Amino acid sequence: MATSFYPSHLVTPMWSERVLGVLRIVAGFMFMMHGMAKILHMPFQPQYATLSLFSLIGVAGLLELVGGAMVMLGFFTRPAAFILSGEMAFAYFMAHAPRALLPLQNQGDAAVLYCFVFLYLAFAGPGAWSLDGLRRRASDGVLAAP
């Protein structure tokens, strides 16, 4: 007889959806902060003080700001997360991989993690507490007044 490490009351679809929602919210917020630093200069990072919006890093900042907010709110989560996953793969191979072979050596570990977290969200969906869930329930008539 196999036993689970986790208590059975914690391994339910309800908790899986909630933890997925927390992962989405935290990852989106953390990613959005990178865009905020680049585009809004909050928090101020000296390396972005003279950043051109139409540069490669400026476009990345826009993707991070807008896409991170979309993921955080769970608004069109799957396409936003898929695009952000691609952005992180592109960033890794453009900026990090040429420096060294391993992500730990080339400071690309965050890019790799973001890439795969966003790829997971693109396939798993937004989880709990998302605008996508509200839109889906509204289209199903669940939110309609009696």
Protein backbone atom coordinates (compact mmCIF):
# COMPACT_ATOMS: atom_id res chain seq x y z
CA MET A 1 0.00 0.00 0.00
CA ALA A 2 1.47 3.34 -1.09
CA THR A 3 1.15 6.29 1.23
CA SER A 4 1.32 9.91 0.24
CA PHE A 5 3.74 12.32 1.87
CA TYR A 6 1.00 14.96 2.04
CA PRO A 7 -2.21 14.61 4.05
CA SER A 8 -5.02 13.60 1.71
CA HIS A 9 -7.09 16.70 2.54
CA LEU A 10 -4.34 18.91 1.03
CA VAL A 11 -4.07 17.00 -2.25
CA THR A 12 -7.30 18.13 -3.86
CA PRO A 13 -8.14 20.00 -7.06
CA MET A 14 -9.33 22.94 -4.93
CA TRP A 15 -5.91 23.34 -3.30
CA SER A 16 -4.08 22.73 -6.57
CA GLU A 17 -6.04 25.58 -8.18
CA ARG A 18 -5.29 27.88 -5.24
CA VAL A 19 -1.56 27.15 -5.21
CA LEU A 20 -1.45 27.57 -8.99
CA GLY A 21 -3.16 30.95 -8.52
CA VAL A 22 -0.59 31.97 -5.91
CA LEU A 23 2.25 30.92 -8.23
CA ARG A 24 0.71 32.99 -11.05
CA ILE A 25 0.21 36.08 -8.86
CA VAL A 26 3.71 36.01 -7.35
CA ALA A 27 5.50 35.23 -10.63
CA GLY A 28 3.53 37.93 -12.46
CA PHE A 29 4.23 40.52 -9.77
CA MET A 30 7.93 39.72 -9.61
CA PHE A 31 8.20 39.86 -13.40
CA MET A 32 6.21 43.10 -13.58
CA MET A 33 8.71 44.71 -11.19
CA HIS A 34 11.47 44.16 -13.77
CA GLY A 35 9.38 46.08 -16.30
CA MET A 36 8.57 48.78 -13.76
CA ALA A 37 12.27 49.34 -13.14
CA LYS A 38 12.98 49.61 -16.86
CA ILE A 39 9.98 51.65 -18.01
CA LEU A 40 8.69 53.54 -14.95
CA HIS A 41 12.06 53.75 -13.13
CA MET A 42 10.42 52.40 -9.96
CA PRO A 43 12.40 51.18 -8.17
CA PHE A 44 15.18 53.22 -9.71
CA GLN A 45 17.95 51.17 -11.29
CA PRO A 46 20.84 53.30 -12.62
CA GLN A 47 21.47 50.99 -15.60
CA TYR A 48 18.01 51.86 -16.98
CA ALA A 49 18.18 55.65 -16.45
CA THR A 50 18.74 56.40 -20.15
CA LEU A 51 16.93 53.41 -21.60
CA SER A 52 15.31 53.98 -24.98
CA LEU A 53 11.79 52.57 -25.18
CA PHE A 54 12.47 51.36 -28.74
CA SER A 55 15.61 49.44 -27.84
CA LEU A 56 15.65 45.68 -27.33
CA ILE A 57 15.71 46.12 -23.55
CA GLY A 58 12.98 48.78 -23.76
CA VAL A 59 10.67 46.42 -25.64
CA ALA A 60 11.52 43.69 -23.12
CA GLY A 61 10.60 46.14 -20.34
CA LEU A 62 7.21 46.80 -21.96
CA LEU A 63 6.58 43.06 -22.25
CA GLU A 64 7.60 42.59 -18.63
CA LEU A 65 5.43 45.46 -17.37
CA VAL A 66 2.28 44.71 -19.36
CA GLY A 67 2.68 40.94 -19.59
CA GLY A 68 3.61 40.63 -15.93
CA ALA A 69 0.50 42.61 -14.94
CA MET A 70 -1.67 40.44 -17.20
CA VAL A 71 -0.28 37.26 -15.67
CA MET A 72 -0.56 38.63 -12.14
CA LEU A 73 -4.23 39.54 -12.69
CA GLY A 74 -4.94 36.36 -14.62
CA PHE A 75 -6.08 38.29 -17.70
CA PHE A 76 -5.53 36.31 -20.94
CA THR A 77 -3.09 34.28 -18.87
CA ARG A 78 -2.30 31.55 -21.38
CA PRO A 79 -1.27 33.74 -24.35
CA ALA A 80 0.49 36.28 -22.11
CA ALA A 81 2.44 33.56 -20.30
CA PHE A 82 3.37 31.90 -23.60
CA ILE A 83 4.76 35.18 -24.98
CA LEU A 84 6.67 35.86 -21.74
CA SER A 85 8.10 32.34 -21.79
CA GLY A 86 9.43 33.03 -25.28
CA GLU A 87 10.81 36.37 -24.19
CA MET A 88 12.75 34.69 -21.39
CA ALA A 89 14.08 31.98 -23.70
CA PHE A 90 15.18 34.71 -26.12
CA ALA A 91 16.77 36.73 -23.30
CA TYR A 92 18.61 33.68 -22.02
CA PHE A 93 20.13 32.77 -25.37
CA MET A 94 20.89 36.38 -26.33
CA ALA A 95 22.28 37.74 -23.06
CA HIS A 96 23.24 34.85 -20.79
CA ALA A 97 24.24 31.75 -22.76
CA PRO A 98 27.13 33.46 -24.61
CA ARG A 99 28.79 34.26 -21.24
CA ALA A 100 29.11 30.68 -19.96
CA LEU A 101 27.65 27.22 -20.36
CA LEU A 102 25.60 26.87 -17.18
CA PRO A 103 22.88 29.25 -15.90
CA LEU A 104 24.59 29.52 -12.52
CA GLN A 105 27.77 30.69 -14.25
CA ASN A 106 26.10 33.13 -16.67
CA GLN A 107 23.55 34.66 -14.22
CA GLY A 108 20.72 33.24 -16.32
CA ASP A 109 19.03 31.13 -13.66
CA ALA A 110 16.17 33.62 -13.17
CA ALA A 111 15.55 33.75 -16.93
CA VAL A 112 15.39 29.96 -17.11
CA LEU A 113 13.03 29.75 -14.12
CA TYR A 114 10.74 32.47 -15.50
CA CYS A 115 10.75 30.76 -18.89
CA PHE A 116 9.55 27.46 -17.48
CA VAL A 117 7.12 28.93 -14.93
CA PHE A 118 5.47 30.91 -17.72
CA LEU A 119 5.48 27.89 -20.02
CA TYR A 120 3.74 25.91 -17.27
CA LEU A 121 1.14 28.67 -16.80
CA ALA A 122 0.54 28.76 -20.56
CA PHE A 123 -0.53 25.12 -20.40
CA ALA A 124 -1.99 24.85 -16.87
CA GLY A 125 -4.02 28.07 -17.01
CA PRO A 126 -4.47 30.77 -14.39
CA GLY A 127 -5.64 28.78 -11.39
CA ALA A 128 -7.78 30.44 -8.73
CA TRP A 129 -8.53 34.15 -8.32
CA SER A 130 -8.14 35.27 -11.94
CA LEU A 131 -9.93 37.63 -14.29
CA ASP A 132 -9.97 34.75 -16.79
CA GLY A 133 -12.03 32.75 -14.29
CA LEU A 134 -14.43 35.66 -13.82
CA ARG A 135 -14.81 36.04 -17.59
CA ARG A 136 -15.43 32.29 -17.97
CA ARG A 137 -18.06 32.25 -15.22
CA ALA A 138 -19.73 35.34 -16.67
CA SER A 139 -19.91 33.77 -20.12
CA ASP A 140 -21.38 30.61 -18.55
CA GLY A 141 -24.06 32.74 -16.91
CA VAL A 142 -22.91 31.95 -13.37
CA LEU A 143 -22.47 35.63 -12.47
CA ALA A 144 -25.73 36.73 -14.04
CA ALA A 145 -28.36 38.26 -11.74
CA PRO A 146 -31.43 36.08 -11.05
